[in-house]
Amino acid sequence: VWHSAYSPEWPSNHRFPMWKFKDLVDQLVADGLFQSHSDFLQPEEPPDEWFLLAHDEGYYNAFTQGTLDATRWRRIGFAQRPDHDALVRRTRLEVAGTVLAARRALMTGLACNTAGGTHHAHVSWGSGYTALNDLAVAAKLLLSEALVSRVLICDLDVHQGDGTAAILSNEPRAFTLSVHCKHNFPFGFKGMTHLGNDTSDLDIGLPKNTEDEQYLNCLQDHIPSVLDSFRPDLVLYDAGVDVHIDDDLGNLCISWDGLRRREEFVLGACLSRGIPVARVIGG
């Protein structure tokens, strides 16, 4: 799943690399996995009602209309934004892309959005360059439509999926699993009392400098048991690669081979059980 609006025109010196979504798709085409950009599934403009399943209406309207207070814009990370309307459009389409990937996964077994994983967005505020939570919206929407009875959010981004955990904390039909670096955002920020307070259904915090074998052993110890006990109809998988050793802010030491083995294990564990997977790219 991809939309050209995922990567609007953006300053090259901005801390958030908005161009990464187009770079990913360009690489997939260059590698021959797709013949052209027109071969990707394209999400349509989503209705506002989808977002109100996971977000406060006042917050959603203020974000889309550009009337959020300065504090909440700073929390998101987009206080400086060259084109507000383009930012809002790409953010809404990103969520729609995850919903589309989830629907397609239910049909085919596996689908991927070339964006998404906006797991720091909470009910009434955004954080960490995420304003609207695609994982929470997709989970709540599919549950409301009775397309699934139980959804597992498997979040392997290097940062805890705090927003997803908060939004889905009172939803027994959704299980949030987060394996992350415990010495990283959103934990340990002095003066930011709004951060680090959320708890997933299962949080596994790994120490700094964790390497391949310890990491993979952790996943093998927990993911199969969650799949077997919760028995989800769908897994929404945040496959962030910021656990890689070369990520400047990740604090973990996972190699490219370790990432390949992670993907083989997670996808294999789900698909061998007949559980569809909708994948998002995370960080």
Protein backbone atom coordinates (compact mmCIF):
# COMPACT_ATOMS: atom_id res chain seq x y z
CA VAL A 1 0.00 0.00 0.00
CA TRP A 2 1.39 3.41 -0.96
CA HIS A 3 0.21 6.92 -1.78
CA SER A 4 2.34 9.64 -3.29
CA ALA A 5 0.97 12.04 -0.65
CA TYR A 6 2.88 10.10 2.04
CA SER A 7 5.97 12.16 1.16
CA PRO A 8 4.98 15.80 0.54
CA GLU A 9 7.57 18.47 -0.19
CA TRP A 10 9.60 18.80 2.99
CA PRO A 11 12.73 20.63 4.19
CA SER A 12 15.81 18.46 3.78
CA ASN A 13 17.11 19.63 7.17
CA HIS A 14 13.94 18.70 9.10
CA ARG A 15 14.52 16.13 11.87
CA PHE A 16 11.72 13.94 10.53
CA PRO A 17 12.67 12.37 7.18
CA MET A 18 9.34 12.69 5.37
CA TRP A 19 11.00 11.52 2.15
CA LYS A 20 11.65 8.02 3.54
CA PHE A 21 8.26 6.71 2.39
CA LYS A 22 8.94 7.54 -1.26
CA ASP A 23 12.51 6.28 -0.92
CA LEU A 24 11.18 2.92 0.24
CA VAL A 25 8.78 2.59 -2.66
CA ASP A 26 11.43 3.71 -5.15
CA GLN A 27 13.72 0.98 -3.79
CA LEU A 28 11.01 -1.68 -4.09
CA VAL A 29 10.52 -0.73 -7.75
CA ALA A 30 14.27 -0.56 -8.40
CA ASP A 31 14.69 -4.03 -6.88
CA GLY A 32 12.08 -5.40 -9.27
CA LEU A 33 9.54 -6.33 -6.62
CA PHE A 34 7.08 -4.02 -8.39
CA GLN A 35 7.15 -3.00 -12.03
CA SER A 36 6.04 0.56 -11.34
CA HIS A 37 4.59 2.83 -8.70
CA SER A 38 1.14 2.26 -10.17
CA ASP A 39 1.25 -1.37 -9.04
CA PHE A 40 0.77 -0.45 -5.38
CA LEU A 41 -2.64 -0.38 -3.72
CA GLN A 42 -3.64 3.22 -3.05
CA PRO A 43 -5.75 4.30 -0.07
CA GLU A 44 -8.65 6.68 -0.56
CA GLU A 45 -9.41 9.75 1.54
CA PRO A 46 -10.85 8.40 4.80
CA PRO A 47 -13.95 9.69 6.60
CA ASP A 48 -13.52 11.77 9.75
CA GLU A 49 -15.58 9.23 11.70
CA TRP A 50 -12.76 6.68 11.57
CA PHE A 51 -10.46 8.91 13.59
CA LEU A 52 -13.05 9.63 16.26
CA LEU A 53 -12.99 5.94 17.19
CA ALA A 54 -9.53 6.52 18.68
CA HIS A 55 -9.15 10.28 19.15
CA ASP A 56 -10.93 13.06 20.97
CA GLU A 57 -13.03 15.09 18.53
CA GLY A 58 -11.70 18.42 19.77
CA TYR A 59 -8.10 17.29 19.33
CA TYR A 60 -8.76 15.81 15.88
CA ASN A 61 -10.48 18.97 14.65
CA ALA A 62 -7.76 21.21 16.07
CA PHE A 63 -5.05 19.13 14.41
CA THR A 64 -6.72 19.08 11.01
CA GLN A 65 -7.67 22.76 11.16
CA GLY A 66 -4.28 23.89 12.46
CA THR A 67 -5.61 25.37 15.71
CA LEU A 68 -3.76 23.18 18.20
CA ASP A 69 -2.02 25.10 20.98
CA ALA A 70 1.73 25.56 20.69
CA THR A 71 2.47 23.01 23.43
CA ARG A 72 0.73 20.20 21.59
CA TRP A 73 2.34 21.12 18.27
CA ARG A 74 5.74 20.92 19.97
CA ARG A 75 4.85 17.54 21.45
CA ILE A 76 4.05 16.21 18.00
CA GLY A 77 7.25 17.67 16.55
CA PHE A 78 5.67 19.64 13.72
CA ALA A 79 5.49 23.13 15.20
CA GLN A 80 7.45 24.10 12.06
CA ARG A 81 5.70 22.66 9.01
CA PRO A 82 5.99 24.07 5.51
CA ASP A 83 2.52 23.03 4.34
CA HIS A 84 -0.10 22.31 6.99
CA ASP A 85 -2.71 20.98 4.58
CA ALA A 86 -0.22 18.56 2.99
CA LEU A 87 0.83 17.33 6.44
CA VAL A 88 -2.78 16.69 7.45
CA ARG A 89 -3.58 14.94 4.18
CA ARG A 90 -0.58 12.61 4.34
CA THR A 91 -1.30 11.83 8.02
CA ARG A 92 -4.92 10.90 7.31
CA LEU A 93 -3.97 8.87 4.23
CA GLU A 94 -1.28 7.05 6.22
CA VAL A 95 -4.00 5.81 8.59
CA ALA A 96 -6.19 4.89 5.64
CA GLY A 97 -3.25 2.94 4.22
CA THR A 98 -2.99 0.83 7.36
CA VAL A 99 -6.73 0.18 7.29
CA LEU A 100 -6.43 -0.87 3.65
CA ALA A 101 -3.49 -3.16 4.45
CA ALA A 102 -5.49 -4.73 7.29
CA ARG A 103 -8.49 -5.35 5.04
CA ARG A 104 -6.27 -6.84 2.35
CA ALA A 105 -4.46 -9.03 4.89
CA LEU A 106 -7.80 -10.51 5.92
CA MET A 107 -8.32 -11.43 2.26
CA THR A 108 -4.84 -12.66 1.32
CA GLY A 109 -3.00 -13.40 4.58
CA LEU A 110 -0.32 -10.71 4.36
CA ALA A 111 -0.21 -7.04 3.38
CA CYS A 112 2.05 -4.07 4.12
CA ASN A 113 1.59 -0.34 4.34
CA THR A 114 4.71 1.55 3.24
CA ALA A 115 4.10 4.00 6.08
CA GLY A 116 2.36 3.79 9.45
CA GLY A 117 3.34 2.75 12.93
CA THR A 118 2.29 6.10 14.44
CA HIS A 119 2.19 4.54 17.87
CA HIS A 120 2.99 7.60 20.02
CA ALA A 121 -0.26 9.41 19.16
CA HIS A 122 -2.65 9.43 22.14
CA VAL A 123 -6.36 10.16 22.44
CA SER A 124 -5.98 13.93 22.74
CA TRP A 125 -2.35 14.64 21.91
CA GLY A 126 0.37 13.53 19.56
CA SER A 127 4.03 12.82 20.23
CA GLY A 128 7.24 11.76 18.56
CA TYR A 129 6.22 12.99 15.08
CA THR A 130 2.93 11.08 15.22
CA ALA A 131 -0.41 12.86 15.40
CA LEU A 132 -3.03 10.22 14.55
CA ASN A 133 -2.63 6.60 15.62
CA ASP A 134 -3.04 4.30 12.61
CA LEU A 135 -2.76 1.07 14.63
CA ALA A 136 -5.44 2.08 17.13
CA VAL A 137 -7.79 3.42 14.45
CA ALA A 138 -7.42 0.27 12.33
CA ALA A 139 -7.99 -2.01 15.34
CA LYS A 140 -11.07 -0.13 16.53
CA LEU A 141 -12.52 0.18 13.04
CA LEU A 142 -12.22 -3.50 12.16
CA LEU A 143 -13.63 -4.47 15.55
CA SER A 144 -16.56 -2.08 15.12
CA GLU A 145 -17.29 -3.57 11.70
CA ALA A 146 -17.14 -7.10 13.17
CA LEU A 147 -14.52 -8.06 10.58
CA VAL A 148 -12.44 -9.40 13.47
CA SER A 149 -13.18 -10.46 17.04
CA ARG A 150 -9.66 -10.05 18.45
CA VAL A 151 -6.68 -8.00 17.24
CA LEU A 152 -3.07 -8.27 18.37
CA ILE A 153 -0.84 -5.25 17.98
CA CYS A 154 2.72 -6.59 17.86
CA ASP A 155 4.98 -3.56 18.16
CA LEU A 156 8.69 -4.23 17.61
CA ASP A 157 9.73 -0.63 16.99
CA VAL A 158 12.62 0.35 19.28
CA HIS A 159 10.26 2.70 21.17
CA GLN A 160 7.35 1.59 23.32
CA GLY A 161 3.95 1.86 21.64
CA ASP A 162 2.67 4.12 24.39
CA GLY A 163 -0.13 5.84 22.49
CA THR A 164 -1.53 2.57 21.16
CA ALA A 165 -1.42 1.10 24.67
CA ALA A 166 -3.28 4.08 26.10
CA ILE A 167 -6.00 4.20 23.44
CA LEU A 168 -6.69 0.47 23.60
CA SER A 169 -6.28 0.07 27.37
CA ASN A 170 -10.02 -0.50 27.91
CA GLU A 171 -10.57 -2.64 24.81
CA PRO A 172 -10.45 -6.33 25.83
CA ARG A 173 -10.68 -7.44 22.20
CA ALA A 174 -7.29 -5.85 21.47
CA PHE A 175 -3.98 -7.01 22.95
CA THR A 176 -0.98 -4.68 22.86
CA LEU A 177 2.49 -6.24 22.88
CA SER A 178 5.53 -3.95 22.82
CA VAL A 179 9.16 -5.08 22.73
CA HIS A 180 11.38 -2.02 22.94
CA CYS A 181 14.51 -0.48 24.43
CA LYS A 182 13.69 0.42 28.03
CA HIS A 183 16.26 3.23 28.02
CA ASN A 184 14.70 5.28 25.26
CA PHE A 185 11.74 7.51 24.38
CA PRO A 186 9.13 7.78 25.90
CA PHE A 187 10.92 6.97 29.17
CA GLY A 188 13.22 9.08 31.30
CA PHE A 189 12.55 12.59 29.99
CA LYS A 190 12.83 15.05 32.86
CA GLY A 191 10.08 17.63 33.00
CA MET A 192 7.90 15.75 30.51
CA THR A 193 5.44 14.24 32.96
CA HIS A 194 3.04 13.25 30.18
CA LEU A 195 5.54 10.66 28.89
CA GLY A 196 6.37 7.16 30.10
CA ASN A 197 3.15 6.47 32.00
CA ASP A 198 1.40 4.05 29.67
CA THR A 199 1.38 0.29 29.97
CA SER A 200 0.79 -2.24 27.19
CA ASP A 201 -0.88 -5.56 27.91
CA LEU A 202 2.65 -6.94 27.67
CA ASP A 203 5.67 -4.64 27.77
CA ILE A 204 9.16 -6.08 27.36
CA GLY A 205 11.88 -3.50 27.88
CA LEU A 206 15.31 -4.52 26.63
CA PRO A 207 18.57 -3.04 27.95
CA LYS A 208 20.84 -0.87 25.83
CA ASN A 209 23.18 -2.69 23.43
CA THR A 210 21.01 -5.82 23.22
CA GLU A 211 22.32 -7.96 20.34
CA ASP A 212 20.78 -10.45 17.93
CA GLU A 213 20.60 -13.64 19.97
CA GLN A 214 19.22 -12.06 23.14
CA TYR A 215 16.70 -10.14 21.06
CA LEU A 216 15.52 -13.11 19.03
CA ASN A 217 15.35 -15.33 22.10
CA CYS A 218 13.10 -12.75 23.74
CA LEU A 219 10.73 -12.75 20.77
CA GLN A 220 10.69 -16.55 20.66
CA ASP A 221 9.91 -16.67 24.38
CA HIS A 222 6.88 -14.39 24.18
CA ILE A 223 5.27 -14.05 20.75
CA PRO A 224 4.13 -17.69 20.28
CA SER A 225 2.57 -17.80 23.74
CA VAL A 226 0.65 -14.57 23.11
CA LEU A 227 -0.58 -15.87 19.76
CA ASP A 228 -1.72 -19.13 21.33
CA SER A 229 -3.37 -17.61 24.41
CA PHE A 230 -5.05 -14.57 22.85
CA ARG A 231 -5.82 -16.25 19.49
CA PRO A 232 -6.15 -13.07 17.39
CA ASP A 233 -7.98 -12.94 14.08
CA LEU A 234 -5.45 -10.39 12.83
CA VAL A 235 -2.00 -9.14 13.79
CA LEU A 236 -1.12 -5.50 13.20
CA TYR A 237 2.67 -5.65 13.11
CA ASP A 238 4.82 -2.56 13.62
CA ALA A 239 8.09 -3.76 12.10
CA GLY A 240 10.31 -0.80 12.97
CA VAL A 241 13.93 -1.21 11.91
CA ASP A 242 15.21 1.41 14.35
CA VAL A 243 16.44 -1.49 16.49
CA HIS A 244 19.33 -1.72 14.00
CA ILE A 245 22.83 -1.08 15.32
CA ASP A 246 23.34 1.84 12.92
CA ASP A 247 20.30 3.77 14.16
CA ASP A 248 21.75 6.77 15.99
CA LEU A 249 18.89 6.97 18.49
CA GLY A 250 17.90 3.32 18.85
CA ASN A 251 20.35 2.10 21.51
CA LEU A 252 20.01 -1.55 20.43
CA CYS A 253 22.55 -3.50 18.39
CA ILE A 254 20.56 -5.65 15.97
CA SER A 255 22.29 -6.58 12.70
CA TRP A 256 20.73 -6.81 9.24
CA ASP A 257 20.81 -10.58 9.59
CA GLY A 258 19.09 -10.25 12.95
CA LEU A 259 16.35 -8.17 11.35
CA ARG A 260 15.91 -10.71 8.57
CA ARG A 261 15.61 -13.49 11.14
CA ARG A 262 13.12 -11.39 13.12
CA GLU A 263 10.89 -10.97 10.09
CA GLU A 264 11.07 -14.64 9.21
CA PHE A 265 10.20 -15.60 12.77
CA VAL A 266 7.32 -13.16 13.34
CA LEU A 267 5.68 -13.71 9.98
CA GLY A 268 6.22 -17.46 10.22
CA ALA A 269 4.77 -17.64 13.72
CA CYS A 270 1.62 -15.83 12.61
CA LEU A 271 1.09 -17.33 9.16
CA SER A 272 1.79 -20.89 10.28
CA ARG A 273 -1.12 -20.46 12.69
CA GLY A 274 -3.36 -19.12 9.95
CA ILE A 275 -3.34 -15.59 11.41
CA PRO A 276 -3.26 -12.77 8.84
CA VAL A 277 -0.67 -10.02 9.25
CA ALA A 278 -0.90 -6.37 8.27
CA ARG A 279 2.54 -4.81 8.51
CA VAL A 280 3.53 -1.17 8.93
CA ILE A 281 7.05 0.21 8.72
CA GLY A 282 7.42 2.09 12.02
CA GLY A 283 10.73 3.82 12.65
